[in-house]
Structures are given as C-alpha cells and as structure tokens.
C-alpha cells in the first residue's frame, strides 16, 4: 500500500463524515420539523462515530443551563436520549451549575464532557451532571454553542477524548451550527428570551472584579476600604442578580456579559 493510500485509509471516517455533512447542508433547509432536523443531524454524527444527538436548546441571555428551556418550544430532544434523563436534568439544573454549558458558551474550542471534567475538576455537588449522565449510560458527550444563544448536545456511551479527532470535531460543530440555524427558523422569534441585563452597582462590580482576579474577601475589604460583612453582602446581591450559585460563578457570568470593565 502506498503512503497516500495509507493516509486515505486513515482519514476514511473523516472523508465519509464530510460527505454526510455536505448532504446535510444541502437538505437541512427543507426539513419541516425539529424532529426531522435532529434525526438528520444524528445521521451525520453517527457516521463512523459513537456519537448520538442529545438535542438542542435556545437559552435566554441570563441562563447558563437548560433549566430555563421549555421542551418542545425552546428545547428539542432526539429520540436516542434515555427516558427520564431530561426530567432529572431540568430539575437539578435549576439549582446547580452546569460546567459543560458554561464552557461551551464561553470558549471558542469544543471540549468533550470528559475533557471539561478534567480541566475544571468539579467536586461534590458540582459533579451532578457527570453522575447523572453515568446513571443513564451517557459516558461522555459534546456540547457546542451556536451564536451565543443555542446549544447543541451529543452523547456517547464511550469516552470520546481519543475517538473524536480535531477534524471530526470541526465537522460535527459545523453540522450543529446548521441544525441550530434551521431550528431557529422553525421555532421563530422569541422576545421573552431577551430579558434585561442585570444592573450591578459600582460596588458590586468592583467586588466581582477583584473576585475574578482571585482575591479573597479579606483582601477585597482591605483594598476597597469596606468591612468584610459589607463585601459579603455585595457578593450575595450580585450573585442573586446574575443567577449564580457562588462567587466564582458570579464573577464568570459578569465577565461573560461584559459587566466587568
């Protein structure tokens, strides 16, 4: 076998995946329902890969998880999703931070759930999404953000870290973007997702800025000439306005919304 033949054979799955993507791009505009869009996307993602479509959701500006999405209206699941997973996810997401969603919306790169867990090293309650996935046979997955408001998810019974190559991720993300665009057209405009930007006071912004720099409450109080209890009060108010569950998440959300200059 020649060297070029070896390269072609090695890239075979990517070549086939690219061909599926081309077919999908030509046909997606004619798909008449969210079910059809996700089914066609599933055909792409399962081409040579153990990668099932999870679904897609359109999120409000202030949301960093899928709890705010309404099934059938702004959230759409593929038929491969294990029964019961969505109900538990939506319930837990109301009061817990979702690392995969946050990272997908704040990064230009695409990371698998396993890679996200390794990077963020969540402990305790912050591992809820990982443990829930394992409960339903979702060993790994991929969450991709489109246009800052849509997230498209995939799941797999296998660890994807070494299976999902960079060329394959590029093609999958391209297919996810096409799917989200069509779902946006089918779902139509939704004025309720705009909402209002949280109005942080100058003190709250100052405190969050220092939190984003890794400063502790005692250091923040000393630097701003405030009492420690006052600093904690500003943080609690900022967390409530941003829908955050802790100071770190509040600082990250403020940065994402460009509230911290």
C-alpha atoms as a PDB file:
ATOM      1  CA  UNK A   1       0.000   0.000   0.000  1.00  0.00           C
ATOM      2  CA  UNK A   2       1.400   3.400  -0.956  1.00  0.00           C
ATOM      3  CA  UNK A   3       1.875   6.225   1.538  1.00  0.00           C
ATOM      4  CA  UNK A   4      -1.020   8.196   0.021  1.00  0.00           C
ATOM      5  CA  UNK A   5      -3.253   5.145   0.241  1.00  0.00           C
ATOM      6  CA  UNK A   6      -2.413   4.742   3.931  1.00  0.00           C
ATOM      7  CA  UNK A   7      -3.335   8.404   4.567  1.00  0.00           C
ATOM      8  CA  UNK A   8      -6.604   7.996   2.662  1.00  0.00           C
ATOM      9  CA  UNK A   9      -7.481   4.887   4.657  1.00  0.00           C
ATOM     10  CA  UNK A  10      -6.679   6.624   7.954  1.00  0.00           C
ATOM     11  CA  UNK A  11      -8.822   9.602   7.005  1.00  0.00           C
ATOM     12  CA  UNK A  12     -11.640   7.436   5.671  1.00  0.00           C
ATOM     13  CA  UNK A  13     -14.091   8.136   8.532  1.00  0.00           C
ATOM     14  CA  UNK A  14     -13.496  11.895   8.244  1.00  0.00           C
ATOM     15  CA  UNK A  15     -13.967  11.791   4.472  1.00  0.00           C
ATOM     16  CA  UNK A  16     -17.271   9.949   4.910  1.00  0.00           C
ATOM     17  CA  UNK A  17     -18.307  12.335   7.671  1.00  0.00           C
ATOM     18  CA  UNK A  18     -17.556  15.280   5.404  1.00  0.00           C
ATOM     19  CA  UNK A  19     -19.711  13.756   2.667  1.00  0.00           C
ATOM     20  CA  UNK A  20     -22.592  13.355   5.132  1.00  0.00           C
ATOM     21  CA  UNK A  21     -22.143  16.968   6.201  1.00  0.00           C
ATOM     22  CA  UNK A  22     -22.394  18.147   2.599  1.00  0.00           C
ATOM     23  CA  UNK A  23     -25.636  16.187   2.140  1.00  0.00           C
ATOM     24  CA  UNK A  24     -26.966  17.640   5.391  1.00  0.00           C
ATOM     25  CA  UNK A  25     -26.111  21.204   4.364  1.00  0.00           C
ATOM     26  CA  UNK A  26     -27.975  20.706   1.079  1.00  0.00           C
ATOM     27  CA  UNK A  27     -31.074  19.227   2.698  1.00  0.00           C
ATOM     28  CA  UNK A  28     -31.416  20.955   6.084  1.00  0.00           C
ATOM     29  CA  UNK A  29     -33.303  23.941   4.689  1.00  0.00           C
ATOM     30  CA  UNK A  30     -36.123  21.653   3.551  1.00  0.00           C
ATOM     31  CA  UNK A  31     -36.598  19.858   6.878  1.00  0.00           C
ATOM     32  CA  UNK A  32     -40.030  20.728   8.254  1.00  0.00           C
ATOM     33  CA  UNK A  33     -39.796  19.880  11.954  1.00  0.00           C
ATOM     34  CA  UNK A  34     -37.345  19.854  14.848  1.00  0.00           C
ATOM     35  CA  UNK A  35     -37.647  16.064  14.930  1.00  0.00           C
ATOM     36  CA  UNK A  36     -36.524  15.859  11.307  1.00  0.00           C
ATOM     37  CA  UNK A  37     -33.614  18.244  11.925  1.00  0.00           C
ATOM     38  CA  UNK A  38     -32.296  16.235  14.877  1.00  0.00           C
ATOM     39  CA  UNK A  39     -32.769  12.947  13.030  1.00  0.00           C
ATOM     40  CA  UNK A  40     -30.760  14.250  10.074  1.00  0.00           C
ATOM     41  CA  UNK A  41     -28.068  15.603  12.417  1.00  0.00           C
ATOM     42  CA  UNK A  42     -27.945  12.182  14.093  1.00  0.00           C
ATOM     43  CA  UNK A  43     -27.221  10.599  10.725  1.00  0.00           C
ATOM     44  CA  UNK A  44     -24.194  12.890  10.420  1.00  0.00           C
ATOM     45  CA  UNK A  45     -22.866  12.462  13.963  1.00  0.00           C
ATOM     46  CA  UNK A  46     -23.109   8.654  13.925  1.00  0.00           C
ATOM     47  CA  UNK A  47     -21.094   8.365  10.711  1.00  0.00           C
ATOM     48  CA  UNK A  48     -18.115   6.358  11.940  1.00  0.00           C
ATOM     49  CA  UNK A  49     -18.506   7.736  15.459  1.00  0.00           C
ATOM     50  CA  UNK A  50     -20.234   6.548  18.661  1.00  0.00           C
ATOM     51  CA  UNK A  51     -21.842   9.991  18.899  1.00  0.00           C
ATOM     52  CA  UNK A  52     -25.600  10.267  19.372  1.00  0.00           C
ATOM     53  CA  UNK A  53     -27.521  13.514  19.177  1.00  0.00           C
ATOM     54  CA  UNK A  54     -28.770  14.629  22.571  1.00  0.00           C
ATOM     55  CA  UNK A  55     -30.740  17.664  21.431  1.00  0.00           C
ATOM     56  CA  UNK A  56     -30.687  21.419  21.087  1.00  0.00           C
ATOM     57  CA  UNK A  57     -31.912  24.338  23.173  1.00  0.00           C
ATOM     58  CA  UNK A  58     -32.296  28.083  22.787  1.00  0.00           C
ATOM     59  CA  UNK A  59     -31.380  29.833  26.026  1.00  0.00           C
ATOM     60  CA  UNK A  60     -32.283  33.206  27.492  1.00  0.00           C
ATOM     61  CA  UNK A  61     -29.403  35.664  27.843  1.00  0.00           C
ATOM     62  CA  UNK A  62     -29.100  35.202  31.597  1.00  0.00           C
ATOM     63  CA  UNK A  63     -29.247  31.406  31.610  1.00  0.00           C
ATOM     64  CA  UNK A  64     -26.179  29.184  31.783  1.00  0.00           C
ATOM     65  CA  UNK A  65     -28.038  25.891  31.846  1.00  0.00           C
ATOM     66  CA  UNK A  66     -31.026  24.199  30.245  1.00  0.00           C
ATOM     67  CA  UNK A  67     -33.406  24.669  33.168  1.00  0.00           C
ATOM     68  CA  UNK A  68     -34.928  27.746  31.518  1.00  0.00           C
ATOM     69  CA  UNK A  69     -35.625  25.913  28.255  1.00  0.00           C
ATOM     70  CA  UNK A  70     -39.130  24.583  27.590  1.00  0.00           C
ATOM     71  CA  UNK A  71     -39.314  21.165  25.996  1.00  0.00           C
ATOM     72  CA  UNK A  72     -40.959  21.331  22.584  1.00  0.00           C
ATOM     73  CA  UNK A  73     -40.719  25.109  22.429  1.00  0.00           C
ATOM     74  CA  UNK A  74     -37.129  26.119  23.060  1.00  0.00           C
ATOM     75  CA  UNK A  75     -35.631  22.701  23.824  1.00  0.00           C
ATOM     76  CA  UNK A  76     -35.731  19.698  21.493  1.00  0.00           C
ATOM     77  CA  UNK A  77     -34.564  16.173  22.316  1.00  0.00           C
ATOM     78  CA  UNK A  78     -33.523  13.381  19.974  1.00  0.00           C
ATOM     79  CA  UNK A  79     -35.199  10.004  20.292  1.00  0.00           C
ATOM     80  CA  UNK A  80     -31.914   8.379  21.389  1.00  0.00           C
ATOM     81  CA  UNK A  81     -31.968  10.222  24.743  1.00  0.00           C
ATOM     82  CA  UNK A  82     -32.617   7.744  27.573  1.00  0.00           C
ATOM     83  CA  UNK A  83     -36.088   8.081  29.083  1.00  0.00           C
ATOM     84  CA  UNK A  84     -36.105  10.064  32.306  1.00  0.00           C
ATOM     85  CA  UNK A  85     -32.815  11.896  31.761  1.00  0.00           C
ATOM     86  CA  UNK A  86     -34.339  15.231  30.724  1.00  0.00           C
ATOM     87  CA  UNK A  87     -36.741  15.396  33.676  1.00  0.00           C
ATOM     88  CA  UNK A  88     -33.928  14.855  36.173  1.00  0.00           C
ATOM     89  CA  UNK A  89     -31.565  17.196  34.350  1.00  0.00           C
ATOM     90  CA  UNK A  90     -34.081  20.047  34.221  1.00  0.00           C
ATOM     91  CA  UNK A  91     -34.865  19.647  37.915  1.00  0.00           C
ATOM     92  CA  UNK A  92     -31.207  19.600  39.042  1.00  0.00           C
ATOM     93  CA  UNK A  93     -30.135  22.374  36.673  1.00  0.00           C
ATOM     94  CA  UNK A  94     -32.434  24.854  38.402  1.00  0.00           C
ATOM     95  CA  UNK A  95     -30.165  24.983  41.430  1.00  0.00           C
ATOM     96  CA  UNK A  96     -26.802  23.700  40.192  1.00  0.00           C
ATOM     97  CA  UNK A  97     -24.007  24.998  37.982  1.00  0.00           C
ATOM     98  CA  UNK A  98     -23.628  23.239  34.591  1.00  0.00           C
ATOM     99  CA  UNK A  99     -19.894  23.304  33.674  1.00  0.00           C
ATOM    100  CA  UNK A 100     -20.332  21.900  30.151  1.00  0.00           C
ATOM    101  CA  UNK A 101     -22.889  24.551  29.190  1.00  0.00           C
ATOM    102  CA  UNK A 102     -20.839  27.367  30.700  1.00  0.00           C
ATOM    103  CA  UNK A 103     -17.617  26.263  28.991  1.00  0.00           C
ATOM    104  CA  UNK A 104     -19.364  25.760  25.661  1.00  0.00           C
ATOM    105  CA  UNK A 105     -20.740  29.305  25.758  1.00  0.00           C
ATOM    106  CA  UNK A 106     -17.520  30.934  26.948  1.00  0.00           C
ATOM    107  CA  UNK A 107     -14.948  29.147  24.753  1.00  0.00           C
ATOM    108  CA  UNK A 108     -14.280  29.030  21.029  1.00  0.00           C
ATOM    109  CA  UNK A 109     -12.994  25.456  21.299  1.00  0.00           C
ATOM    110  CA  UNK A 110     -15.137  22.356  21.654  1.00  0.00           C
ATOM    111  CA  UNK A 111     -14.455  20.070  24.595  1.00  0.00           C
ATOM    112  CA  UNK A 112     -15.957  16.701  25.461  1.00  0.00           C
ATOM    113  CA  UNK A 113     -17.642  16.297  28.828  1.00  0.00           C
ATOM    114  CA  UNK A 114     -14.720  14.160  29.996  1.00  0.00           C
ATOM    115  CA  UNK A 115     -12.220  16.832  28.980  1.00  0.00           C
ATOM    116  CA  UNK A 116     -14.296  19.521  30.697  1.00  0.00           C
ATOM    117  CA  UNK A 117     -14.338  17.484  33.905  1.00  0.00           C
ATOM    118  CA  UNK A 118     -10.566  17.033  33.770  1.00  0.00           C
ATOM    119  CA  UNK A 119     -10.000  20.762  33.261  1.00  0.00           C
ATOM    120  CA  UNK A 120     -12.426  22.076  35.862  1.00  0.00           C
ATOM    121  CA  UNK A 121     -12.035  19.208  38.349  1.00  0.00           C
ATOM    122  CA  UNK A 122     -15.517  19.624  39.882  1.00  0.00           C
ATOM    123  CA  UNK A 123     -16.068  18.105  43.305  1.00  0.00           C
ATOM    124  CA  UNK A 124     -19.102  17.348  45.419  1.00  0.00           C
ATOM    125  CA  UNK A 125     -22.375  18.786  44.149  1.00  0.00           C
ATOM    126  CA  UNK A 126     -20.691  20.269  41.059  1.00  0.00           C
ATOM    127  CA  UNK A 127     -20.304  16.718  39.692  1.00  0.00           C
ATOM    128  CA  UNK A 128     -24.075  16.312  39.433  1.00  0.00           C
ATOM    129  CA  UNK A 129     -24.228  16.443  35.615  1.00  0.00           C
ATOM    130  CA  UNK A 130     -21.415  13.891  35.272  1.00  0.00           C
ATOM    131  CA  UNK A 131     -23.035  11.492  37.712  1.00  0.00           C
ATOM    132  CA  UNK A 132     -26.466  11.950  36.136  1.00  0.00           C
ATOM    133  CA  UNK A 133     -25.040  11.140  32.706  1.00  0.00           C
ATOM    134  CA  UNK A 134     -23.406   7.968  34.014  1.00  0.00           C
ATOM    135  CA  UNK A 135     -26.695   6.946  35.612  1.00  0.00           C
ATOM    136  CA  UNK A 136     -28.330   6.943  32.174  1.00  0.00           C
ATOM    137  CA  UNK A 137     -25.420   5.376  30.282  1.00  0.00           C
ATOM    138  CA  UNK A 138     -24.021   8.672  28.968  1.00  0.00           C
ATOM    139  CA  UNK A 139     -20.299   8.093  29.497  1.00  0.00           C
ATOM    140  CA  UNK A 140     -19.283  11.195  27.576  1.00  0.00           C
ATOM    141  CA  UNK A 141     -20.621  13.856  25.256  1.00  0.00           C
ATOM    142  CA  UNK A 142     -20.002  17.082  23.410  1.00  0.00           C
ATOM    143  CA  UNK A 143     -21.789  20.389  23.974  1.00  0.00           C
ATOM    144  CA  UNK A 144     -21.427  23.063  21.322  1.00  0.00           C
ATOM    145  CA  UNK A 145     -22.681  26.654  21.496  1.00  0.00           C
ATOM    146  CA  UNK A 146     -24.023  28.381  18.383  1.00  0.00           C
ATOM    147  CA  UNK A 147     -24.462  32.120  18.137  1.00  0.00           C
ATOM    148  CA  UNK A 148     -24.230  32.580  21.884  1.00  0.00           C
ATOM    149  CA  UNK A 149     -27.854  31.516  22.389  1.00  0.00           C
ATOM    150  CA  UNK A 150     -28.182  27.962  21.096  1.00  0.00           C
ATOM    151  CA  UNK A 151     -26.502  24.873  22.491  1.00  0.00           C
ATOM    152  CA  UNK A 152     -26.425  21.584  20.612  1.00  0.00           C
ATOM    153  CA  UNK A 153     -25.525  18.464  22.549  1.00  0.00           C
ATOM    154  CA  UNK A 154     -24.306  14.988  21.700  1.00  0.00           C
ATOM    155  CA  UNK A 155     -23.803  11.971  23.951  1.00  0.00           C
ATOM    156  CA  UNK A 156     -21.896   8.711  23.817  1.00  0.00           C
ATOM    157  CA  UNK A 157     -21.618   5.502  25.858  1.00  0.00           C
ATOM    158  CA  UNK A 158     -17.823   5.760  25.381  1.00  0.00           C
ATOM    159  CA  UNK A 159     -15.037   8.155  26.377  1.00  0.00           C
ATOM    160  CA  UNK A 160     -14.674  10.454  23.364  1.00  0.00           C
ATOM    161  CA  UNK A 161     -11.356  12.083  24.255  1.00  0.00           C
ATOM    162  CA  UNK A 162      -9.269   9.979  21.853  1.00  0.00           C
ATOM    163  CA  UNK A 163     -12.063   8.996  19.486  1.00  0.00           C
ATOM    164  CA  UNK A 164     -13.232  12.457  18.497  1.00  0.00           C
ATOM    165  CA  UNK A 165     -10.330  13.890  16.491  1.00  0.00           C
ATOM    166  CA  UNK A 166      -9.940  17.587  15.761  1.00  0.00           C
ATOM    167  CA  UNK A 167     -11.058  17.251  12.086  1.00  0.00           C
ATOM    168  CA  UNK A 168     -14.113  15.290  13.219  1.00  0.00           C
ATOM    169  CA  UNK A 169     -14.968  17.936  15.842  1.00  0.00           C
ATOM    170  CA  UNK A 170     -14.817  20.676  13.225  1.00  0.00           C
ATOM    171  CA  UNK A 171     -17.276  18.799  11.017  1.00  0.00           C
ATOM    172  CA  UNK A 172     -19.609  17.936  13.902  1.00  0.00           C
ATOM    173  CA  UNK A 173     -19.634  21.549  15.074  1.00  0.00           C
ATOM    174  CA  UNK A 174     -20.376  22.710  11.528  1.00  0.00           C
ATOM    175  CA  UNK A 175     -23.327  20.312  11.376  1.00  0.00           C
ATOM    176  CA  UNK A 176     -24.515  21.538  14.796  1.00  0.00           C
ATOM    177  CA  UNK A 177     -24.431  25.140  13.538  1.00  0.00           C
ATOM    178  CA  UNK A 178     -26.543  24.238  10.513  1.00  0.00           C
ATOM    179  CA  UNK A 179     -29.017  22.396  12.736  1.00  0.00           C
ATOM    180  CA  UNK A 180     -29.310  25.328  15.148  1.00  0.00           C
ATOM    181  CA  UNK A 181     -29.887  27.743  12.275  1.00  0.00           C
ATOM    182  CA  UNK A 182     -32.740  25.617  10.935  1.00  0.00           C
ATOM    183  CA  UNK A 183     -34.222  25.144  14.405  1.00  0.00           C
ATOM    184  CA  UNK A 184     -34.139  28.920  14.891  1.00  0.00           C
ATOM    185  CA  UNK A 185     -36.101  29.329  11.668  1.00  0.00           C
ATOM    186  CA  UNK A 186     -38.638  26.687  12.680  1.00  0.00           C
ATOM    187  CA  UNK A 187     -39.044  27.959  16.243  1.00  0.00           C
ATOM    188  CA  UNK A 188     -39.457  31.577  15.157  1.00  0.00           C
ATOM    189  CA  UNK A 189     -38.607  34.698  17.196  1.00  0.00           C
ATOM    190  CA  UNK A 190     -38.886  34.597  20.979  1.00  0.00           C
ATOM    191  CA  UNK A 191     -38.918  38.045  22.567  1.00  0.00           C
ATOM    192  CA  UNK A 192     -39.096  36.539  26.076  1.00  0.00           C
ATOM    193  CA  UNK A 193     -35.514  35.297  25.880  1.00  0.00           C
ATOM    194  CA  UNK A 194     -34.058  38.794  25.647  1.00  0.00           C
ATOM    195  CA  UNK A 195     -34.829  39.945  29.170  1.00  0.00           C
ATOM    196  CA  UNK A 196     -32.923  42.727  30.896  1.00  0.00           C
ATOM    197  CA  UNK A 197     -29.245  42.933  31.661  1.00  0.00           C
ATOM    198  CA  UNK A 198     -28.655  42.768  35.412  1.00  0.00           C
ATOM    199  CA  UNK A 199     -27.949  46.172  36.929  1.00  0.00           C
ATOM    200  CA  UNK A 200     -24.956  45.851  39.207  1.00  0.00           C
ATOM    201  CA  UNK A 201     -23.968  48.713  41.473  1.00  0.00           C
ATOM    202  CA  UNK A 202     -20.429  50.171  41.188  1.00  0.00           C
ATOM    203  CA  UNK A 203     -19.518  48.460  44.472  1.00  0.00           C
ATOM    204  CA  UNK A 204     -20.806  45.106  43.254  1.00  0.00           C
ATOM    205  CA  UNK A 205     -18.817  45.475  40.045  1.00  0.00           C
ATOM    206  CA  UNK A 206     -15.683  46.392  42.000  1.00  0.00           C
ATOM    207  CA  UNK A 207     -16.064  43.392  44.284  1.00  0.00           C
ATOM    208  CA  UNK A 208     -16.679  40.989  41.386  1.00  0.00           C
ATOM    209  CA  UNK A 209     -13.690  42.380  39.508  1.00  0.00           C
ATOM    210  CA  UNK A 210     -11.447  41.534  42.443  1.00  0.00           C
ATOM    211  CA  UNK A 211     -13.049  38.088  42.781  1.00  0.00           C
ATOM    212  CA  UNK A 212     -12.225  37.470  39.101  1.00  0.00           C
ATOM    213  CA  UNK A 213      -8.596  38.279  39.981  1.00  0.00           C
ATOM    214  CA  UNK A 214      -8.576  35.595  42.655  1.00  0.00           C
ATOM    215  CA  UNK A 215      -8.733  37.928  45.659  1.00  0.00           C
ATOM    216  CA  UNK A 216     -10.267  36.736  48.908  1.00  0.00           C
ATOM    217  CA  UNK A 217     -12.935  38.634  50.871  1.00  0.00           C
ATOM    218  CA  UNK A 218     -10.450  39.931  53.456  1.00  0.00           C
ATOM    219  CA  UNK A 219      -8.185  41.320  50.724  1.00  0.00           C
ATOM    220  CA  UNK A 220     -11.155  42.845  48.890  1.00  0.00           C
ATOM    221  CA  UNK A 221     -12.401  44.539  52.062  1.00  0.00           C
ATOM    222  CA  UNK A 222      -8.959  45.988  52.760  1.00  0.00           C
ATOM    223  CA  UNK A 223      -8.457  47.192  49.177  1.00  0.00           C
ATOM    224  CA  UNK A 224     -11.881  48.866  48.939  1.00  0.00           C
ATOM    225  CA  UNK A 225     -11.951  50.190  52.472  1.00  0.00           C
ATOM    226  CA  UNK A 226     -15.026  48.147  53.348  1.00  0.00           C
ATOM    227  CA  UNK A 227     -15.951  45.794  56.123  1.00  0.00           C
ATOM    228  CA  UNK A 228     -15.804  42.063  55.443  1.00  0.00           C
ATOM    229  CA  UNK A 229     -19.544  41.737  56.066  1.00  0.00           C
ATOM    230  CA  UNK A 230     -20.235  44.529  53.551  1.00  0.00           C
ATOM    231  CA  UNK A 231     -18.169  42.702  50.944  1.00  0.00           C
ATOM    232  CA  UNK A 232     -20.131  39.508  51.567  1.00  0.00           C
ATOM    233  CA  UNK A 233     -23.371  41.476  51.237  1.00  0.00           C
ATOM    234  CA  UNK A 234     -22.299  42.908  47.867  1.00  0.00           C
ATOM    235  CA  UNK A 235     -21.363  39.420  46.670  1.00  0.00           C
ATOM    236  CA  UNK A 236     -24.697  37.916  47.721  1.00  0.00           C
ATOM    237  CA  UNK A 237     -26.629  40.660  45.950  1.00  0.00           C
ATOM    238  CA  UNK A 238     -24.526  40.280  42.794  1.00  0.00           C
ATOM    239  CA  UNK A 239     -24.980  36.502  42.838  1.00  0.00           C
ATOM    240  CA  UNK A 240     -28.749  36.904  43.076  1.00  0.00           C
ATOM    241  CA  UNK A 241     -28.854  39.387  40.194  1.00  0.00           C
ATOM    242  CA  UNK A 242     -26.716  37.137  37.994  1.00  0.00           C
ATOM    243  CA  UNK A 243     -28.478  33.898  38.946  1.00  0.00           C
ATOM    244  CA  UNK A 244     -25.174  32.480  40.207  1.00  0.00           C
ATOM    245  CA  UNK A 245     -24.730  29.880  42.924  1.00  0.00           C
ATOM    246  CA  UNK A 246     -21.370  31.065  44.252  1.00  0.00           C
ATOM    247  CA  UNK A 247     -18.938  33.958  43.966  1.00  0.00           C
ATOM    248  CA  UNK A 248     -16.795  32.292  41.306  1.00  0.00           C
ATOM    249  CA  UNK A 249     -19.752  31.629  39.045  1.00  0.00           C
ATOM    250  CA  UNK A 250     -20.966  35.213  39.600  1.00  0.00           C
ATOM    251  CA  UNK A 251     -17.595  36.612  38.515  1.00  0.00           C
ATOM    252  CA  UNK A 252     -17.520  34.348  35.442  1.00  0.00           C
ATOM    253  CA  UNK A 253     -21.053  35.353  34.472  1.00  0.00           C
ATOM    254  CA  UNK A 254     -20.248  39.056  34.910  1.00  0.00           C
ATOM    255  CA  UNK A 255     -17.230  38.638  32.656  1.00  0.00           C
ATOM    256  CA  UNK A 256     -19.281  36.769  30.057  1.00  0.00           C
ATOM    257  CA  UNK A 257     -21.877  39.549  29.959  1.00  0.00           C
ATOM    258  CA  UNK A 258     -19.144  42.208  29.791  1.00  0.00           C
ATOM    259  CA  UNK A 259     -20.340  43.745  33.061  1.00  0.00           C
ATOM    260  CA  UNK A 260     -16.812  43.942  34.429  1.00  0.00           C
ATOM    261  CA  UNK A 261     -14.744  46.553  32.514  1.00  0.00           C
END
